[in-house]
N, C-alpha and C. Protein backbone atom coordinates (compact mmCIF):
# COMPACT_ATOMS: atom_id res chain seq x y z
N MET A 1 0.90 -1.22 -0.01
CA MET A 1 0.30 -0.15 -0.22
C MET A 1 1.15 1.15 -0.49
N ASN A 2 0.56 1.98 -1.10
CA ASN A 2 1.47 3.46 -1.25
C ASN A 2 1.26 4.27 -0.10
N GLY A 3 1.55 5.45 0.39
CA GLY A 3 1.19 6.77 1.01
C GLY A 3 -0.19 7.23 0.60
N SER A 4 -0.33 7.45 -0.78
CA SER A 4 -1.46 8.16 -0.80
C SER A 4 -2.99 7.11 -0.89
N ASP A 5 -2.78 5.67 -1.06
CA ASP A 5 -3.87 4.81 -0.50
C ASP A 5 -4.48 5.05 1.03
N GLU A 6 -2.76 5.30 1.87
CA GLU A 6 -3.22 5.48 3.50
C GLU A 6 -3.88 6.72 3.46
N GLY A 7 -3.64 7.45 2.91
CA GLY A 7 -4.45 8.83 3.29
C GLY A 7 -5.85 8.90 2.39
N THR A 8 -6.24 8.30 1.56
CA THR A 8 -7.39 7.90 0.74
C THR A 8 -8.11 7.27 2.09
N GLY A 9 -7.82 6.43 2.65
CA GLY A 9 -8.56 5.37 4.08
C GLY A 9 -8.36 6.28 5.16
N GLN A 10 -7.70 7.41 4.97
CA GLN A 10 -8.90 8.22 6.57
C GLN A 10 -9.15 8.72 6.41
N VAL A 11 -9.19 9.56 4.87
CA VAL A 11 -10.20 10.52 4.61
C VAL A 11 -11.71 10.05 4.26
N ALA A 12 -12.23 8.57 4.13
CA ALA A 12 -13.41 8.34 3.84
C ALA A 12 -13.77 7.95 5.07
N PRO A 13 -13.16 7.49 6.03
CA PRO A 13 -13.79 7.48 7.50
C PRO A 13 -14.46 8.72 7.75
N SER A 14 -13.31 9.70 7.64
CA SER A 14 -14.00 11.28 8.39
C SER A 14 -15.28 11.96 7.42
N ARG A 15 -15.01 11.68 6.29
CA ARG A 15 -16.11 12.20 5.19
C ARG A 15 -17.51 11.04 5.90
N ARG A 16 -17.68 10.05 6.05
CA ARG A 16 -18.56 9.23 6.63
C ARG A 16 -18.77 9.59 7.74
N ALA A 17 -18.32 10.10 8.64
CA ALA A 17 -18.96 10.52 9.75
C ALA A 17 -19.34 12.16 9.96
N ASP A 18 -18.84 12.86 8.83
CA ASP A 18 -19.13 13.66 8.76
C ASP A 18 -21.05 13.86 8.09
N ALA A 19 -20.79 12.92 7.24
CA ALA A 19 -22.39 12.88 6.37
C ALA A 19 -22.90 12.37 7.66
N ARG A 20 -22.95 11.39 8.45
CA ARG A 20 -23.51 10.71 9.60
C ARG A 20 -23.97 12.18 10.58
N ARG A 21 -23.13 13.16 10.96
CA ARG A 21 -23.71 13.91 11.87
C ARG A 21 -24.89 15.83 10.91
N ASN A 22 -24.34 15.39 9.70
CA ASN A 22 -24.86 16.42 8.90
C ASN A 22 -26.34 15.64 8.78
N LYS A 23 -26.42 14.45 8.93
CA LYS A 23 -28.27 13.89 8.78
C LYS A 23 -28.55 13.92 9.83
N GLU A 24 -27.85 13.45 10.82
CA GLU A 24 -28.49 13.51 12.24
C GLU A 24 -28.98 15.17 12.58
N THR A 25 -28.05 15.74 12.21
CA THR A 25 -28.47 17.42 11.90
C THR A 25 -29.38 17.96 11.30
N LEU A 26 -30.13 16.95 10.28
CA LEU A 26 -31.01 17.19 9.55
C LEU A 26 -32.21 16.85 10.50
N LEU A 27 -32.25 15.96 10.93
CA LEU A 27 -33.24 14.87 11.35
C LEU A 27 -33.34 15.61 13.12
N GLU A 28 -32.58 16.47 13.20
CA GLU A 28 -32.97 17.02 14.45
C GLU A 28 -33.67 18.24 14.24
N ALA A 29 -33.15 19.18 13.19
CA ALA A 29 -34.09 20.26 12.75
C ALA A 29 -35.60 19.91 11.85
N ALA A 30 -35.62 18.68 11.42
CA ALA A 30 -36.59 18.47 11.24
C ALA A 30 -37.48 17.91 12.38
N ALA A 31 -37.22 17.34 13.31
CA ALA A 31 -38.12 17.31 14.58
C ALA A 31 -38.77 18.45 14.91
N ALA A 32 -37.20 19.60 15.09
CA ALA A 32 -38.10 20.71 16.09
C ALA A 32 -38.78 21.10 14.85
N VAL A 33 -38.69 21.49 14.10
CA VAL A 33 -39.50 22.45 13.00
C VAL A 33 -41.32 21.35 13.12
N PHE A 34 -40.89 20.59 12.64
CA PHE A 34 -42.21 19.37 13.24
C PHE A 34 -43.00 19.62 14.60
N VAL A 35 -42.61 19.85 15.39
CA VAL A 35 -43.06 19.98 16.90
C VAL A 35 -43.67 21.30 16.47
N THR A 36 -42.65 22.18 16.57
CA THR A 36 -43.80 23.72 16.32
C THR A 36 -44.64 24.08 15.30
N SER A 37 -44.45 23.51 13.89
CA SER A 37 -45.11 23.72 12.92
C SER A 37 -45.64 22.67 11.87
N GLY A 38 -45.91 21.48 12.67
CA GLY A 38 -46.55 20.38 11.98
C GLY A 38 -45.59 19.96 10.87
N VAL A 39 -45.88 18.55 10.90
CA VAL A 39 -45.11 17.66 9.21
C VAL A 39 -45.24 18.10 8.39
N GLU A 40 -46.32 19.30 8.06
CA GLU A 40 -46.09 19.98 6.52
C GLU A 40 -45.71 21.13 6.59
N ALA A 41 -44.49 21.35 7.13
CA ALA A 41 -43.83 22.77 7.54
C ALA A 41 -43.05 22.99 6.35
N PRO A 42 -42.87 23.97 5.69
CA PRO A 42 -41.99 24.04 4.49
C PRO A 42 -40.41 23.21 4.71
N VAL A 43 -40.11 22.92 3.70
CA VAL A 43 -38.81 21.98 3.93
C VAL A 43 -37.66 23.56 4.11
N ARG A 44 -37.72 24.40 3.59
CA ARG A 44 -37.02 25.05 3.57
C ARG A 44 -36.84 26.31 4.78
N ASP A 45 -37.99 26.07 5.98
CA ASP A 45 -37.90 26.29 7.29
C ASP A 45 -36.93 25.30 7.83
N ILE A 46 -36.97 23.65 7.24
CA ILE A 46 -35.84 22.71 7.79
C ILE A 46 -34.62 23.34 8.03
N ALA A 47 -34.53 23.26 6.62
CA ALA A 47 -33.13 23.95 5.89
C ALA A 47 -32.80 24.92 6.95
N ALA A 48 -33.50 26.25 7.39
CA ALA A 48 -33.17 27.06 7.89
C ALA A 48 -32.56 26.91 8.97
N GLU A 49 -33.38 25.93 9.84
CA GLU A 49 -33.55 25.42 11.08
C GLU A 49 -32.07 24.67 11.54
N ALA A 50 -31.52 23.73 10.35
CA ALA A 50 -30.39 23.10 9.98
C ALA A 50 -29.26 23.99 9.62
N GLY A 51 -29.13 24.66 9.37
CA GLY A 51 -28.18 25.79 8.94
C GLY A 51 -27.22 25.22 7.39
N VAL A 52 -28.25 24.84 6.55
CA VAL A 52 -27.87 23.93 5.30
C VAL A 52 -29.23 24.50 4.22
N GLY A 53 -28.22 23.97 2.93
CA GLY A 53 -29.49 24.89 1.73
C GLY A 53 -30.36 23.43 1.26
N LEU A 54 -31.66 23.79 0.80
CA LEU A 54 -32.64 22.87 0.23
C LEU A 54 -31.96 21.75 -0.20
N GLY A 55 -30.82 21.77 -1.09
CA GLY A 55 -30.36 20.54 -1.86
C GLY A 55 -29.51 19.53 -0.66
N THR A 56 -28.81 19.94 0.62
CA THR A 56 -28.67 19.35 0.99
C THR A 56 -29.87 18.08 1.87
N ILE A 57 -30.94 18.78 1.80
CA ILE A 57 -31.94 17.85 2.41
C ILE A 57 -32.89 17.01 1.54
N TYR A 58 -32.99 17.53 0.44
CA TYR A 58 -33.56 16.49 -0.92
C TYR A 58 -32.08 15.43 -1.26
N ARG A 59 -30.89 15.75 -0.97
CA ARG A 59 -29.83 15.28 -1.19
C ARG A 59 -29.92 13.64 -0.29
N HIS A 60 -30.07 13.80 1.12
CA HIS A 60 -30.52 13.05 1.83
C HIS A 60 -31.73 12.21 1.84
N PHE A 61 -32.89 13.17 1.87
CA PHE A 61 -34.47 13.03 1.94
C PHE A 61 -35.24 13.07 0.62
N PRO A 62 -35.11 12.34 -0.47
CA PRO A 62 -35.77 12.81 -1.85
C PRO A 62 -37.11 13.20 -1.50
N THR A 63 -37.84 12.76 -0.65
CA THR A 63 -39.54 12.85 -0.60
C THR A 63 -39.82 13.58 1.26
N ARG A 64 -40.70 14.12 1.33
CA ARG A 64 -41.25 14.19 2.74
C ARG A 64 -41.44 12.67 3.45
N ALA A 65 -42.03 12.15 2.65
CA ALA A 65 -42.34 10.82 3.03
C ALA A 65 -40.94 10.38 3.44
N ASP A 66 -39.96 10.27 2.91
CA ASP A 66 -38.91 10.09 3.61
C ASP A 66 -38.29 10.90 4.59
N LEU A 67 -38.09 12.10 4.63
CA LEU A 67 -37.31 12.71 5.30
C LEU A 67 -38.81 12.38 7.19
N ILE A 68 -39.85 12.36 7.03
CA ILE A 68 -40.79 12.09 7.98
C ILE A 68 -40.30 10.44 8.72
N ILE A 69 -40.54 9.23 7.52
CA ILE A 69 -39.91 8.36 8.12
C ILE A 69 -38.44 7.71 9.10
N ALA A 70 -37.82 8.73 8.39
CA ALA A 70 -36.13 9.21 9.22
C ALA A 70 -36.40 10.18 10.10
N VAL A 71 -37.46 11.15 10.34
CA VAL A 71 -37.57 11.21 11.95
C VAL A 71 -37.98 10.49 13.16
N TYR A 72 -39.08 10.03 12.16
CA TYR A 72 -39.47 8.89 13.51
C TYR A 72 -38.89 7.89 14.18
N ARG A 73 -37.92 7.41 12.92
CA ARG A 73 -37.20 6.36 13.45
C ARG A 73 -35.83 6.97 14.43
N HIS A 74 -35.38 8.23 13.75
CA HIS A 74 -34.30 8.49 14.66
C HIS A 74 -34.61 8.72 16.13
N GLN A 75 -35.99 9.51 16.08
CA GLN A 75 -36.42 9.48 17.49
C GLN A 75 -36.66 8.78 18.01
N VAL A 76 -36.92 7.20 17.56
CA VAL A 76 -37.39 6.09 18.20
C VAL A 76 -35.88 5.59 18.82
N ASP A 77 -34.78 5.76 18.27
CA ASP A 77 -33.49 5.20 18.81
C ASP A 77 -32.78 5.97 19.08
N ALA A 78 -33.22 7.52 19.27
CA ALA A 78 -32.36 8.10 20.44
C ALA A 78 -33.34 7.94 21.74
N CYS A 79 -34.48 7.89 21.68
CA CYS A 79 -35.05 7.21 22.63
C CYS A 79 -34.47 5.67 23.79
N ALA A 80 -34.69 5.11 22.65
CA ALA A 80 -33.77 3.86 23.29
C ALA A 80 -32.82 3.61 23.72
N GLU A 81 -31.97 4.63 22.96
CA GLU A 81 -30.60 4.82 23.64
C GLU A 81 -30.21 5.78 25.09
N ALA A 82 -31.15 6.46 24.97
CA ALA A 82 -30.96 7.22 26.34
C ALA A 82 -31.25 6.09 27.60
N GLY A 83 -32.49 4.90 27.34
CA GLY A 83 -33.04 4.12 28.71
C GLY A 83 -31.88 4.00 29.18
N PRO A 84 -31.22 3.16 29.16
CA PRO A 84 -29.83 2.74 29.77
C PRO A 84 -28.75 3.79 29.91
N ALA A 85 -28.53 5.01 29.24
CA ALA A 85 -27.73 6.06 29.88
C ALA A 85 -28.36 6.72 31.08
N LEU A 86 -29.82 6.63 31.16
CA LEU A 86 -30.20 7.46 32.34
C LEU A 86 -30.50 6.71 33.18
N LEU A 87 -30.19 5.36 33.29
CA LEU A 87 -30.28 4.39 34.17
C LEU A 87 -28.95 4.44 35.06
N ALA A 88 -27.32 4.89 33.93
CA ALA A 88 -26.51 4.44 34.36
C ALA A 88 -26.19 5.78 35.29
N THR A 89 -26.79 7.06 34.95
CA THR A 89 -26.39 8.33 35.59
C THR A 89 -27.30 9.05 36.26
N SER A 90 -28.37 8.22 36.47
CA SER A 90 -29.36 8.84 37.56
C SER A 90 -29.32 8.34 38.99
N ALA A 91 -29.97 9.46 39.76
CA ALA A 91 -29.93 9.14 41.26
C ALA A 91 -30.65 8.31 41.68
N THR A 92 -31.60 7.34 41.18
CA THR A 92 -31.83 6.79 41.78
C THR A 92 -33.07 6.07 39.90
N PRO A 93 -33.16 4.36 40.01
CA PRO A 93 -33.85 4.12 39.02
C PRO A 93 -35.35 4.78 38.81
N HIS A 94 -36.04 5.27 39.61
CA HIS A 94 -37.21 5.61 39.33
C HIS A 94 -36.80 6.94 38.75
N ALA A 95 -36.31 7.74 39.49
CA ALA A 95 -35.70 9.19 38.63
C ALA A 95 -35.20 8.85 37.12
N ALA A 96 -34.93 7.90 36.93
CA ALA A 96 -34.29 7.35 35.54
C ALA A 96 -35.36 7.07 34.70
N LEU A 97 -36.39 6.78 35.43
CA LEU A 97 -37.30 6.21 34.84
C LEU A 97 -38.39 7.63 34.40
N GLY A 98 -38.26 8.43 35.19
CA GLY A 98 -39.12 9.65 35.12
C GLY A 98 -38.67 10.31 34.40
N ARG A 99 -36.82 10.36 34.17
CA ARG A 99 -36.86 11.71 32.95
C ARG A 99 -36.88 10.29 31.61
N TRP A 100 -36.70 9.58 31.61
CA TRP A 100 -36.74 8.83 30.11
C TRP A 100 -38.57 8.92 29.69
N ILE A 101 -39.42 8.99 30.59
CA ILE A 101 -40.76 9.11 30.37
C ILE A 101 -40.98 10.60 29.63
N ASN A 102 -40.41 11.62 30.25
CA ASN A 102 -40.20 12.32 29.89
C ASN A 102 -39.55 12.95 28.19
N LEU A 103 -38.56 12.30 27.94
CA LEU A 103 -38.04 12.01 26.64
C LEU A 103 -39.06 11.09 26.07
N PHE A 104 -39.77 9.93 26.23
CA PHE A 104 -40.52 9.45 25.65
C PHE A 104 -42.12 10.48 25.29
N VAL A 105 -42.49 11.41 26.26
CA VAL A 105 -43.61 12.20 26.02
C VAL A 105 -43.19 13.21 24.83
N ASP A 106 -41.90 13.59 24.78
CA ASP A 106 -41.55 14.22 23.88
C ASP A 106 -41.40 13.89 22.88
N PHE A 107 -41.13 12.75 22.05
CA PHE A 107 -40.90 11.67 21.25
C PHE A 107 -42.52 11.63 20.60
N LEU A 108 -43.41 11.45 21.82
CA LEU A 108 -44.89 11.27 21.35
C LEU A 108 -45.77 12.62 20.62
N VAL A 109 -45.60 13.71 21.27
CA VAL A 109 -45.84 14.52 20.82
C VAL A 109 -45.74 15.12 19.64
N THR A 110 -44.43 14.76 19.39
CA THR A 110 -43.88 15.22 17.21
C THR A 110 -44.70 13.66 16.81
N LYS A 111 -44.72 12.34 17.17
CA LYS A 111 -45.29 11.05 17.12
C LYS A 111 -46.51 11.54 16.12
N HIS A 112 -47.38 11.97 17.02
CA HIS A 112 -48.54 12.14 16.79
C HIS A 112 -48.92 13.04 15.25
N GLY A 113 -48.44 13.76 15.45
CA GLY A 113 -48.14 14.42 13.62
C GLY A 113 -47.98 13.07 12.48
N LEU A 114 -46.44 13.12 13.20
CA LEU A 114 -46.56 12.33 11.97
C LEU A 114 -46.80 10.81 11.87
N ALA A 115 -47.61 10.13 12.69
CA ALA A 115 -48.30 9.22 12.67
C ALA A 115 -49.75 9.70 11.51
N ALA A 116 -50.16 10.69 12.26
CA ALA A 116 -51.19 10.69 10.77
C ALA A 116 -50.99 11.09 9.60
N VAL A 117 -50.14 11.48 8.92
CA VAL A 117 -49.36 11.87 7.89
C VAL A 117 -49.15 10.07 6.97
N LEU A 118 -48.16 9.24 8.25
CA LEU A 118 -47.56 7.92 8.21
C LEU A 118 -48.99 6.74 7.41
N GLN A 119 -49.87 7.41 8.31
CA GLN A 119 -51.15 5.78 8.48
C GLN A 119 -51.48 6.06 6.50
N SER A 120 -51.53 6.96 5.99
CA SER A 120 -51.95 6.71 4.49
C SER A 120 -51.61 5.88 3.65
N ASP A 121 -50.23 4.77 4.29
CA ASP A 121 -49.28 3.86 3.64
C ASP A 121 -49.74 2.76 5.33
N ASN A 122 -50.55 2.16 5.50
CA ASN A 122 -50.78 1.25 6.74
C ASN A 122 -49.98 0.23 6.81
N ALA A 123 -49.16 -0.23 5.15
CA ALA A 123 -47.88 -1.12 5.24
C ALA A 123 -47.04 -0.23 6.13
N GLY A 124 -46.66 0.63 5.72
CA GLY A 124 -45.39 1.19 5.91
C GLY A 124 -45.99 1.94 7.58
N PHE A 125 -46.82 2.44 7.67
CA PHE A 125 -46.83 2.61 8.90
C PHE A 125 -46.97 1.21 9.98
N ASP A 126 -47.46 0.10 9.88
CA ASP A 126 -47.47 -0.72 10.32
C ASP A 126 -45.74 -1.53 10.90
N THR A 127 -45.18 -1.56 9.99
CA THR A 127 -43.78 -1.52 9.77
C THR A 127 -42.92 -0.84 11.29
N LEU A 128 -43.39 0.76 10.93
CA LEU A 128 -42.70 1.46 11.55
C LEU A 128 -43.14 1.56 13.50
N HIS A 129 -44.34 0.76 13.29
CA HIS A 129 -45.23 0.74 14.66
C HIS A 129 -44.70 -0.33 15.77
N ALA A 130 -43.93 -1.54 14.67
CA ALA A 130 -43.16 -2.51 14.97
C ALA A 130 -42.02 -2.17 15.27
N TYR A 131 -41.57 -1.31 14.81
CA TYR A 131 -39.96 -0.84 14.84
C TYR A 131 -40.02 -0.07 16.39
N PHE A 132 -41.19 1.01 16.46
CA PHE A 132 -41.05 1.35 17.48
C PHE A 132 -41.49 0.29 18.80
N LEU A 133 -42.27 -0.31 18.95
CA LEU A 133 -42.37 -1.42 20.11
C LEU A 133 -41.36 -2.07 20.39
N ASP A 134 -40.47 -2.72 19.10
CA ASP A 134 -39.06 -3.57 19.44
C ASP A 134 -38.35 -3.10 20.03
N ARG A 135 -38.08 -1.39 19.70
CA ARG A 135 -36.84 -0.88 20.51
C ARG A 135 -37.14 -0.08 21.47
N LEU A 136 -38.88 0.01 22.15
CA LEU A 136 -38.99 0.68 22.90
C LEU A 136 -39.57 -0.11 24.05
N VAL A 137 -40.25 -0.69 24.33
CA VAL A 137 -40.57 -1.80 24.71
C VAL A 137 -39.88 -2.53 26.18
N PRO A 138 -38.70 -2.83 25.35
CA PRO A 138 -37.93 -3.71 26.15
C PRO A 138 -36.73 -2.58 27.19
N VAL A 139 -36.51 -1.03 26.46
CA VAL A 139 -36.61 -0.09 27.24
C VAL A 139 -36.64 0.11 28.67
N CYS A 140 -37.84 0.70 28.38
CA CYS A 140 -39.28 0.66 29.48
C CYS A 140 -38.77 -0.46 30.31
N THR A 141 -38.86 -1.46 29.82
CA THR A 141 -39.31 -2.79 31.09
C THR A 141 -37.98 -2.36 31.66
N ARG A 142 -36.77 -2.36 31.20
CA ARG A 142 -35.48 -2.25 31.89
C ARG A 142 -35.80 -1.54 33.17
N LEU A 143 -36.40 -0.40 32.84
CA LEU A 143 -36.26 0.79 33.85
C LEU A 143 -37.27 0.37 34.95
N LEU A 144 -38.45 0.11 34.32
CA LEU A 144 -39.64 -0.48 35.33
C LEU A 144 -38.91 -1.78 36.19
N ASP A 145 -37.91 -2.59 35.83
CA ASP A 145 -37.75 -3.58 36.63
C ASP A 145 -36.54 -3.31 37.23
N ALA A 146 -36.00 -1.99 36.75
CA ALA A 146 -34.59 -1.56 38.28
C ALA A 146 -35.12 -0.80 39.50
N ALA A 147 -36.59 -0.31 38.55
CA ALA A 147 -37.60 0.68 39.92
C ALA A 147 -37.98 -0.26 40.66
N THR A 148 -38.67 -1.18 40.36
CA THR A 148 -39.33 -1.95 40.90
C THR A 148 -37.86 -2.66 41.83
N GLY A 149 -37.12 -3.33 40.78
CA GLY A 149 -36.09 -4.25 41.98
C GLY A 149 -35.23 -3.04 43.12
N SER A 150 -35.07 -2.19 43.20
CA SER A 150 -34.50 -1.17 43.76
C SER A 150 -35.72 -0.64 45.54
N GLY A 151 -36.92 -1.28 45.30
CA GLY A 151 -38.18 -1.26 46.26
C GLY A 151 -38.57 -0.33 45.89
N GLU A 152 -38.46 1.28 44.89
CA GLU A 152 -38.96 2.25 44.75
C GLU A 152 -40.24 2.44 44.39
N ILE A 153 -40.50 1.42 43.74
CA ILE A 153 -42.17 1.10 42.67
C ILE A 153 -42.57 -0.11 43.18
N GLN A 154 -43.86 -0.06 43.42
CA GLN A 154 -44.67 -1.64 43.84
C GLN A 154 -45.56 -1.59 42.19
N SER A 155 -45.00 -2.06 41.30
CA SER A 155 -45.93 -2.09 39.71
C SER A 155 -46.26 -3.37 39.20
N ASP A 156 -47.57 -3.51 38.99
CA ASP A 156 -47.60 -4.55 38.23
C ASP A 156 -48.03 -4.22 36.72
N LEU A 157 -47.97 -3.22 36.35
CA LEU A 157 -47.81 -2.55 35.11
C LEU A 157 -46.97 -3.50 34.37
N THR A 158 -46.97 -3.79 33.50
CA THR A 158 -46.49 -3.79 32.08
C THR A 158 -45.70 -2.71 31.23
N ALA A 159 -44.58 -2.75 30.65
CA ALA A 159 -43.72 -1.49 30.06
C ALA A 159 -44.96 -1.15 28.80
N TYR A 160 -45.64 -1.90 28.08
CA TYR A 160 -46.35 -1.59 27.04
C TYR A 160 -47.51 -1.08 28.15
N GLU A 161 -48.17 -1.26 28.98
CA GLU A 161 -49.45 -1.08 29.80
C GLU A 161 -49.16 0.02 30.18
N LEU A 162 -48.20 0.62 30.72
CA LEU A 162 -47.53 1.89 31.12
C LEU A 162 -47.27 3.22 29.59
N MET A 163 -46.46 2.44 28.72
CA MET A 163 -46.40 3.66 27.68
C MET A 163 -47.86 3.93 26.82
N ARG A 164 -48.74 3.08 27.11
CA ARG A 164 -49.83 3.09 26.49
C ARG A 164 -50.70 4.18 27.12
N GLY A 165 -50.96 3.90 28.40
CA GLY A 165 -51.35 5.30 29.30
C GLY A 165 -50.67 6.55 29.33
N VAL A 166 -48.86 6.30 29.07
CA VAL A 166 -48.60 7.59 28.73
C VAL A 166 -48.74 8.96 27.26
N GLY A 167 -49.01 7.31 26.37
CA GLY A 167 -49.45 7.94 25.39
C GLY A 167 -50.87 8.40 24.99
N ASN A 168 -51.86 7.87 25.80
CA ASN A 168 -53.21 8.71 26.14
C ASN A 168 -53.32 9.40 26.74
N LEU A 169 -52.39 10.06 27.87
CA LEU A 169 -52.37 10.96 28.14
C LEU A 169 -51.93 12.08 27.30
N CYS A 170 -50.93 11.51 26.39
CA CYS A 170 -50.45 12.68 25.46
C CYS A 170 -51.37 13.15 24.51
N ILE A 171 -52.22 12.34 24.36
CA ILE A 171 -53.33 12.51 23.05
C ILE A 171 -54.15 13.74 23.35
N GLY A 172 -54.28 14.10 24.33
CA GLY A 172 -54.95 15.54 24.87
C GLY A 172 -54.29 16.32 24.67
N ALA A 173 -53.03 16.81 24.39
CA ALA A 173 -52.20 17.98 24.25
C ALA A 173 -52.42 18.18 22.65
N ASP A 174 -53.12 17.76 21.52
CA ASP A 174 -53.50 18.19 20.11
C ASP A 174 -54.33 19.38 20.26
N GLY A 175 -53.75 20.14 19.68
CA GLY A 175 -55.16 21.56 19.86
C GLY A 175 -55.24 22.11 21.14
N ASP A 176 -54.91 21.81 21.94
CA ASP A 176 -55.41 22.41 23.85
C ASP A 176 -54.17 23.04 23.76
N PRO A 177 -53.87 24.28 23.94
CA PRO A 177 -53.10 24.81 24.60
C PRO A 177 -52.96 24.98 26.06
N ASP A 178 -53.78 24.83 26.53
CA ASP A 178 -54.15 24.63 27.94
C ASP A 178 -53.52 22.88 28.79
N TYR A 179 -53.67 22.03 27.59
CA TYR A 179 -53.72 21.22 28.65
C TYR A 179 -52.19 20.59 28.38
N ASP A 180 -51.82 20.06 29.59
CA ASP A 180 -50.40 19.69 30.30
C ASP A 180 -49.80 18.40 30.52
N ALA A 181 -50.01 17.65 29.09
CA ALA A 181 -49.89 16.25 29.25
C ALA A 181 -48.59 15.76 30.14
N ARG A 182 -47.45 16.49 29.87
CA ARG A 182 -46.42 16.46 30.88
C ARG A 182 -46.63 16.53 32.09
N ARG A 183 -47.36 17.36 32.89
CA ARG A 183 -47.61 17.17 34.02
C ARG A 183 -48.30 16.26 34.87
N LEU A 184 -49.72 15.49 34.02
CA LEU A 184 -50.21 14.41 34.12
C LEU A 184 -49.32 13.42 34.30
N VAL A 185 -48.69 13.21 33.16
CA VAL A 185 -47.53 11.98 32.90
C VAL A 185 -46.50 12.16 34.25
N GLU A 186 -46.01 13.24 34.94
CA GLU A 186 -45.23 13.15 35.68
C GLU A 186 -46.15 12.74 37.12
N ARG A 187 -47.55 12.87 37.23
CA ARG A 187 -48.23 12.54 38.04
C ARG A 187 -48.29 10.95 38.27
N LEU A 188 -48.75 10.43 36.87
CA LEU A 188 -48.54 8.99 36.78
C LEU A 188 -47.12 8.56 37.61
N ILE A 189 -46.24 9.12 36.74
CA ILE A 189 -44.85 8.46 37.39
C ILE A 189 -44.63 8.33 38.67
N ALA A 190 -44.68 9.51 39.66
CA ALA A 190 -45.33 9.87 40.95
C ALA A 190 -45.73 9.00 41.40
N GLY A 191 -46.95 8.76 41.23
CA GLY A 191 -47.75 7.32 41.32
C GLY A 191 -47.26 6.05 41.41
N LEU A 192 -46.26 5.64 41.03
CA LEU A 192 -45.78 4.78 41.32
C LEU A 192 -45.21 4.39 42.29
N ARG A 193 -44.54 5.36 43.02
CA ARG A 193 -43.62 5.44 44.19
C ARG A 193 -43.89 4.13 45.42
N GLN A 194 -43.81 4.05 45.96
CA GLN A 194 -44.05 2.97 46.80
C GLN A 194 -44.48 4.08 48.55
N PRO A 195 -44.94 3.86 48.88
CA PRO A 195 -45.54 4.75 50.23
C PRO A 195 -44.38 4.10 51.35
N ARG A 196 -43.84 5.55 51.61
CA ARG A 196 -42.60 5.41 52.39
C ARG A 196 -43.40 5.34 54.23
């Protein structure tokens, strides 16, 4: 291998890392715009939020549906990855569960708008919903088990039941500025605590 081959090998991973970061920045910007303006927000608003040109967005996501699906998956992955990190860094397993549920609420608020758009393609929506369950139910189960194991909560709820309950509380946030889903969800999580 000559010196120029080694140089090329060094550049390619760097470019791939830059491309991944750029794509992640786009997905985070799109999610932020979707939360404030809905999934039908102009692509130029997403480009402005991300600090890129329109061409960059279309290069990564040729259609709006591609972008919506990518945002959905990105948010599921971020929520799944946060669970173990919160469990490792929070003062208690119950605190980790509460912090994770807050992230889950943020995801659900965005997800409701995404789901409405995606449901026009039932097969695609079903695949994404299965991905959501496969990634997040085990994380919630681990957090619930840790909080139960520490004696902080006594819960006969399954992770799926808790997630459905949180999801149902979040539905009321649609179109009602006086409805505070986060406050209600915090009460729900506080109610899981063992009496002292």
